[in-house]
């Protein structure tokens, strides 16, 4: 079965850093672009970043560009999101999925990121 398991979230102060991980299984990881999404209560999921199949192309939503770095380790079927200089508006539940802005499979549980003093 296709699975996405997000981890690495937590409570951090503004200006701090977190590194999120997305462990994927049940499909050929290298055949798909991968994306990170963010959701706050009452809102739709927002595309935060996506990465090409081999990791050579990386793109970001404008508000996180320069602060977040998306990467993937195809040998481990894992995608990462390094988040630096975090802001309160980065708060939300972060999800991963295959595809570029259009999720291919069911969502995992996500990982909560809270940026607050």
N, C-alpha and C. Protein backbone atom coordinates (compact mmCIF):
# COMPACT_ATOMS: atom_id res chain seq x y z
N UNK A 1 0.84 -1.18 0.00
CA UNK A 1 0.00 0.00 0.00
C UNK A 1 0.88 1.24 0.00
N UNK A 2 0.44 2.25 -0.72
CA UNK A 2 1.16 3.51 -0.74
C UNK A 2 1.02 4.18 0.61
N UNK A 3 2.14 4.64 1.15
CA UNK A 3 2.13 5.31 2.43
C UNK A 3 3.08 6.50 2.43
N UNK A 4 2.67 7.53 3.13
CA UNK A 4 3.52 8.68 3.40
C UNK A 4 3.51 8.91 4.90
N UNK A 5 4.69 8.95 5.49
CA UNK A 5 4.82 9.18 6.92
C UNK A 5 5.69 10.40 7.13
N UNK A 6 5.05 11.48 7.58
CA UNK A 6 5.75 12.73 7.83
C UNK A 6 6.21 12.78 9.29
N UNK A 7 7.37 13.37 9.51
CA UNK A 7 7.90 13.50 10.86
C UNK A 7 8.82 14.71 10.93
N UNK A 8 9.19 15.07 12.14
CA UNK A 8 10.15 16.14 12.35
C UNK A 8 9.56 17.45 12.81
N UNK A 9 8.24 17.55 12.87
CA UNK A 9 7.62 18.78 13.32
C UNK A 9 7.78 18.98 14.81
N UNK A 10 7.36 20.15 15.26
CA UNK A 10 7.45 20.47 16.67
C UNK A 10 7.22 21.93 16.92
N UNK A 11 7.47 22.34 18.13
CA UNK A 11 7.33 23.74 18.54
C UNK A 11 8.70 24.41 18.48
N UNK A 12 8.75 25.53 17.80
CA UNK A 12 10.01 26.25 17.65
C UNK A 12 9.74 27.75 17.72
N UNK A 13 10.70 28.48 18.21
CA UNK A 13 10.57 29.93 18.29
C UNK A 13 10.85 30.57 16.93
N UNK A 14 10.28 31.76 16.69
CA UNK A 14 10.59 32.45 15.44
C UNK A 14 12.09 32.59 15.24
N UNK A 15 12.53 32.36 14.03
CA UNK A 15 13.94 32.38 13.72
C UNK A 15 14.63 31.04 13.85
N UNK A 16 13.94 30.08 14.41
CA UNK A 16 14.50 28.75 14.58
C UNK A 16 14.41 27.91 13.33
N UNK A 17 14.82 26.66 13.47
CA UNK A 17 14.87 25.74 12.34
C UNK A 17 14.27 24.40 12.69
N UNK A 18 13.74 23.73 11.68
CA UNK A 18 13.25 22.37 11.78
C UNK A 18 13.59 21.64 10.49
N UNK A 19 13.73 20.34 10.58
CA UNK A 19 13.95 19.51 9.41
C UNK A 19 12.87 18.43 9.37
N UNK A 20 12.01 18.50 8.37
CA UNK A 20 10.94 17.55 8.21
C UNK A 20 11.37 16.40 7.30
N UNK A 21 10.84 15.23 7.58
CA UNK A 21 11.12 14.06 6.76
C UNK A 21 9.81 13.46 6.26
N UNK A 22 9.84 12.91 5.08
CA UNK A 22 8.70 12.21 4.49
C UNK A 22 9.19 10.86 4.01
N UNK A 23 8.80 9.82 4.71
CA UNK A 23 9.15 8.46 4.33
C UNK A 23 8.04 7.90 3.45
N UNK A 24 8.38 7.56 2.23
CA UNK A 24 7.41 7.07 1.26
C UNK A 24 7.63 5.59 0.99
N UNK A 25 6.54 4.89 0.71
CA UNK A 25 6.64 3.47 0.41
C UNK A 25 5.43 3.05 -0.43
N UNK A 26 5.55 1.89 -1.07
CA UNK A 26 4.44 1.33 -1.81
C UNK A 26 4.37 1.72 -3.28
N UNK A 27 5.35 2.46 -3.77
CA UNK A 27 5.39 2.84 -5.17
C UNK A 27 6.83 3.09 -5.57
N UNK A 28 7.04 3.26 -6.86
CA UNK A 28 8.39 3.52 -7.35
C UNK A 28 8.72 4.98 -7.12
N UNK A 29 9.45 5.23 -6.06
CA UNK A 29 9.71 6.59 -5.60
C UNK A 29 10.35 7.46 -6.68
N UNK A 30 11.30 6.90 -7.40
CA UNK A 30 12.05 7.67 -8.38
C UNK A 30 11.24 8.04 -9.62
N UNK A 31 10.05 7.49 -9.77
CA UNK A 31 9.22 7.79 -10.94
C UNK A 31 8.39 9.05 -10.78
N UNK A 32 8.42 9.65 -9.60
CA UNK A 32 7.53 10.76 -9.30
C UNK A 32 8.24 11.98 -8.77
N UNK A 33 7.75 13.13 -9.20
CA UNK A 33 8.06 14.36 -8.49
C UNK A 33 7.39 14.27 -7.12
N UNK A 34 7.92 15.01 -6.17
CA UNK A 34 7.37 15.00 -4.82
C UNK A 34 7.14 16.43 -4.34
N UNK A 35 6.16 16.59 -3.46
CA UNK A 35 5.79 17.93 -2.99
C UNK A 35 5.55 17.94 -1.49
N UNK A 36 5.80 19.10 -0.90
CA UNK A 36 5.41 19.40 0.47
C UNK A 36 4.25 20.39 0.44
N UNK A 37 3.27 20.16 1.33
CA UNK A 37 2.10 21.01 1.46
C UNK A 37 1.95 21.45 2.91
N UNK A 38 1.21 22.53 3.10
CA UNK A 38 0.95 23.04 4.43
C UNK A 38 -0.54 23.37 4.55
N UNK A 39 -1.13 23.06 5.70
CA UNK A 39 -2.53 23.33 5.93
C UNK A 39 -2.75 23.90 7.31
N UNK A 40 -3.59 24.93 7.39
CA UNK A 40 -4.03 25.50 8.65
C UNK A 40 -5.52 25.24 8.79
N UNK A 41 -6.06 25.26 10.02
CA UNK A 41 -7.48 24.96 10.22
C UNK A 41 -8.40 25.83 9.37
N UNK A 42 -9.34 25.19 8.68
CA UNK A 42 -10.30 25.90 7.86
C UNK A 42 -9.81 26.27 6.48
N UNK A 43 -8.59 25.94 6.16
CA UNK A 43 -8.02 26.28 4.86
C UNK A 43 -7.63 25.04 4.08
N UNK A 44 -7.55 25.20 2.77
CA UNK A 44 -7.08 24.12 1.92
C UNK A 44 -5.58 23.97 2.06
N UNK A 45 -5.10 22.82 1.70
CA UNK A 45 -3.66 22.61 1.68
C UNK A 45 -3.01 23.51 0.64
N UNK A 46 -1.88 24.05 1.02
CA UNK A 46 -1.12 24.95 0.16
C UNK A 46 0.18 24.28 -0.24
N UNK A 47 0.49 24.35 -1.51
CA UNK A 47 1.76 23.81 -1.98
C UNK A 47 2.89 24.69 -1.47
N UNK A 48 3.85 24.08 -0.81
CA UNK A 48 4.98 24.80 -0.25
C UNK A 48 6.21 24.67 -1.13
N UNK A 49 6.47 23.47 -1.60
CA UNK A 49 7.64 23.22 -2.42
C UNK A 49 7.47 21.90 -3.16
N UNK A 50 8.15 21.77 -4.28
CA UNK A 50 8.17 20.50 -4.99
C UNK A 50 9.57 20.26 -5.54
N UNK A 51 9.85 19.00 -5.81
CA UNK A 51 11.17 18.60 -6.26
C UNK A 51 11.03 17.61 -7.40
N UNK A 52 11.90 17.72 -8.37
CA UNK A 52 11.87 16.84 -9.52
C UNK A 52 12.23 15.42 -9.17
N UNK A 53 12.00 14.55 -10.10
CA UNK A 53 12.18 13.12 -9.89
C UNK A 53 13.58 12.77 -9.39
N UNK A 54 14.58 13.41 -9.94
CA UNK A 54 15.96 13.14 -9.55
C UNK A 54 16.53 14.22 -8.64
N UNK A 55 15.72 15.17 -8.27
CA UNK A 55 16.16 16.21 -7.36
C UNK A 55 16.87 17.36 -8.02
N UNK A 56 16.96 17.37 -9.34
CA UNK A 56 17.67 18.42 -10.04
C UNK A 56 16.89 19.72 -10.19
N UNK A 57 15.59 19.65 -10.05
CA UNK A 57 14.73 20.82 -10.14
C UNK A 57 13.99 20.97 -8.83
N UNK A 58 14.07 22.15 -8.24
CA UNK A 58 13.40 22.44 -6.97
C UNK A 58 12.73 23.79 -7.06
N UNK A 59 11.49 23.86 -6.62
CA UNK A 59 10.74 25.10 -6.66
C UNK A 59 10.01 25.31 -5.35
N UNK A 60 9.76 26.60 -5.05
CA UNK A 60 9.22 26.98 -3.75
C UNK A 60 8.13 28.02 -3.89
N UNK A 61 7.19 27.97 -2.96
CA UNK A 61 6.23 29.05 -2.83
C UNK A 61 7.00 30.29 -2.41
N UNK A 62 6.58 31.44 -2.89
CA UNK A 62 7.37 32.66 -2.73
C UNK A 62 7.67 33.01 -1.27
N UNK A 63 6.76 32.73 -0.37
CA UNK A 63 6.95 33.13 1.02
C UNK A 63 8.03 32.34 1.74
N UNK A 64 8.41 31.18 1.20
CA UNK A 64 9.41 30.34 1.85
C UNK A 64 10.72 30.30 1.08
N UNK A 65 10.72 30.82 -0.12
CA UNK A 65 11.92 30.78 -0.94
C UNK A 65 13.06 31.52 -0.24
N UNK A 66 14.21 30.88 -0.20
CA UNK A 66 15.36 31.44 0.48
C UNK A 66 15.49 31.00 1.92
N UNK A 67 14.42 30.45 2.48
CA UNK A 67 14.43 29.98 3.86
C UNK A 67 14.29 28.46 3.96
N UNK A 68 13.54 27.87 3.03
CA UNK A 68 13.31 26.43 3.03
C UNK A 68 14.11 25.78 1.91
N UNK A 69 14.52 24.55 2.15
CA UNK A 69 15.22 23.77 1.14
C UNK A 69 14.61 22.38 1.07
N UNK A 70 14.12 22.01 -0.11
CA UNK A 70 13.56 20.69 -0.32
C UNK A 70 14.64 19.79 -0.92
N UNK A 71 14.66 18.55 -0.50
CA UNK A 71 15.62 17.60 -1.02
C UNK A 71 15.03 16.20 -0.95
N UNK A 72 15.69 15.26 -1.60
CA UNK A 72 15.22 13.88 -1.56
C UNK A 72 16.41 12.94 -1.63
N UNK A 73 16.25 11.80 -1.00
CA UNK A 73 17.24 10.73 -1.03
C UNK A 73 16.53 9.52 -1.63
N UNK A 74 16.74 9.31 -2.91
CA UNK A 74 16.02 8.24 -3.60
C UNK A 74 16.42 6.85 -3.11
N UNK A 75 17.63 6.72 -2.58
CA UNK A 75 18.05 5.43 -2.04
C UNK A 75 17.28 5.06 -0.79
N UNK A 76 16.74 6.06 -0.10
CA UNK A 76 15.99 5.83 1.13
C UNK A 76 14.50 6.07 0.96
N UNK A 77 14.06 6.40 -0.25
CA UNK A 77 12.65 6.72 -0.49
C UNK A 77 12.15 7.79 0.48
N UNK A 78 12.96 8.80 0.67
CA UNK A 78 12.66 9.83 1.66
C UNK A 78 12.86 11.21 1.08
N UNK A 79 11.95 12.11 1.42
CA UNK A 79 12.05 13.51 1.04
C UNK A 79 12.18 14.34 2.31
N UNK A 80 12.86 15.47 2.20
CA UNK A 80 13.12 16.32 3.35
C UNK A 80 12.71 17.77 3.06
N UNK A 81 12.47 18.49 4.13
CA UNK A 81 12.25 19.92 4.03
C UNK A 81 12.99 20.58 5.18
N UNK A 82 14.10 21.22 4.85
CA UNK A 82 14.85 21.98 5.83
C UNK A 82 14.25 23.37 5.92
N UNK A 83 13.80 23.75 7.09
CA UNK A 83 13.13 25.02 7.29
C UNK A 83 13.96 25.88 8.24
N UNK A 84 14.43 27.00 7.72
CA UNK A 84 15.25 27.92 8.50
C UNK A 84 14.56 29.26 8.63
N UNK A 85 14.98 30.03 9.62
CA UNK A 85 14.43 31.35 9.87
C UNK A 85 12.91 31.31 9.88
N UNK A 86 12.38 30.41 10.66
CA UNK A 86 10.95 30.18 10.69
C UNK A 86 10.19 31.39 11.23
N UNK A 87 9.00 31.58 10.68
CA UNK A 87 8.11 32.66 11.05
C UNK A 87 6.80 32.10 11.57
N UNK A 88 6.07 32.86 12.38
CA UNK A 88 4.77 32.38 12.87
C UNK A 88 3.83 31.95 11.75
N UNK A 89 3.88 32.61 10.61
CA UNK A 89 3.00 32.26 9.50
C UNK A 89 3.38 30.94 8.84
N UNK A 90 4.50 30.35 9.22
CA UNK A 90 4.86 29.02 8.74
C UNK A 90 4.14 27.92 9.51
N UNK A 91 3.45 28.30 10.57
CA UNK A 91 2.72 27.33 11.39
C UNK A 91 1.67 26.59 10.57
N UNK A 92 1.56 25.29 10.80
CA UNK A 92 0.57 24.49 10.13
C UNK A 92 0.95 23.03 10.17
N UNK A 93 0.10 22.21 9.59
CA UNK A 93 0.38 20.79 9.45
C UNK A 93 1.00 20.58 8.08
N UNK A 94 2.14 19.96 8.05
CA UNK A 94 2.87 19.74 6.81
C UNK A 94 2.68 18.32 6.32
N UNK A 95 2.35 18.20 5.05
CA UNK A 95 2.09 16.92 4.42
C UNK A 95 2.99 16.76 3.20
N UNK A 96 3.21 15.52 2.83
CA UNK A 96 3.93 15.24 1.59
C UNK A 96 3.08 14.35 0.70
N UNK A 97 3.38 14.36 -0.58
CA UNK A 97 2.70 13.50 -1.53
C UNK A 97 3.49 13.46 -2.82
N UNK A 98 3.21 12.46 -3.63
CA UNK A 98 3.79 12.40 -4.96
C UNK A 98 3.08 13.38 -5.87
N UNK A 99 3.77 13.82 -6.90
CA UNK A 99 3.20 14.76 -7.85
C UNK A 99 3.67 16.18 -7.60
N UNK A 100 3.36 17.04 -8.53
CA UNK A 100 3.74 18.44 -8.47
C UNK A 100 2.49 19.29 -8.36
N UNK A 101 2.09 19.60 -7.15
CA UNK A 101 0.93 20.43 -6.91
C UNK A 101 -0.41 19.72 -7.05
N UNK A 102 -0.39 18.48 -7.45
CA UNK A 102 -1.60 17.68 -7.60
C UNK A 102 -1.32 16.30 -7.00
N UNK A 103 -1.75 16.07 -5.78
CA UNK A 103 -1.41 14.82 -5.09
C UNK A 103 -1.89 13.59 -5.84
N UNK A 104 -1.05 12.57 -5.83
CA UNK A 104 -1.32 11.36 -6.56
C UNK A 104 -2.05 10.33 -5.70
N UNK A 105 -1.72 10.28 -4.42
CA UNK A 105 -2.32 9.29 -3.52
C UNK A 105 -2.88 9.94 -2.26
N UNK A 106 -3.45 9.08 -1.41
CA UNK A 106 -4.05 9.56 -0.18
C UNK A 106 -3.02 10.22 0.72
N UNK A 107 -3.50 11.14 1.52
CA UNK A 107 -2.64 11.88 2.42
C UNK A 107 -2.25 11.07 3.64
N UNK A 108 -1.04 11.35 4.14
CA UNK A 108 -0.65 10.80 5.43
C UNK A 108 -1.22 11.65 6.55
N UNK A 109 -0.71 11.46 7.76
CA UNK A 109 -1.23 12.19 8.91
C UNK A 109 -0.63 13.58 9.05
N UNK A 110 0.47 13.84 8.37
CA UNK A 110 1.12 15.13 8.47
C UNK A 110 1.91 15.27 9.76
N UNK A 111 2.66 16.34 9.83
CA UNK A 111 3.42 16.64 11.04
C UNK A 111 3.21 18.11 11.38
N UNK A 112 2.92 18.37 12.64
CA UNK A 112 2.57 19.72 13.09
C UNK A 112 3.82 20.55 13.30
N UNK A 113 3.81 21.73 12.72
CA UNK A 113 4.86 22.72 12.93
C UNK A 113 4.23 23.95 13.56
N UNK A 114 4.72 24.32 14.72
CA UNK A 114 4.21 25.50 15.41
C UNK A 114 5.36 26.45 15.68
N UNK A 115 5.25 27.64 15.15
CA UNK A 115 6.27 28.67 15.33
C UNK A 115 5.69 29.75 16.23
N UNK A 116 6.17 29.81 17.44
CA UNK A 116 5.59 30.72 18.42
C UNK A 116 6.59 31.01 19.53
N UNK A 117 6.41 32.17 20.15
CA UNK A 117 7.23 32.52 21.31
C UNK A 117 6.68 31.83 22.54
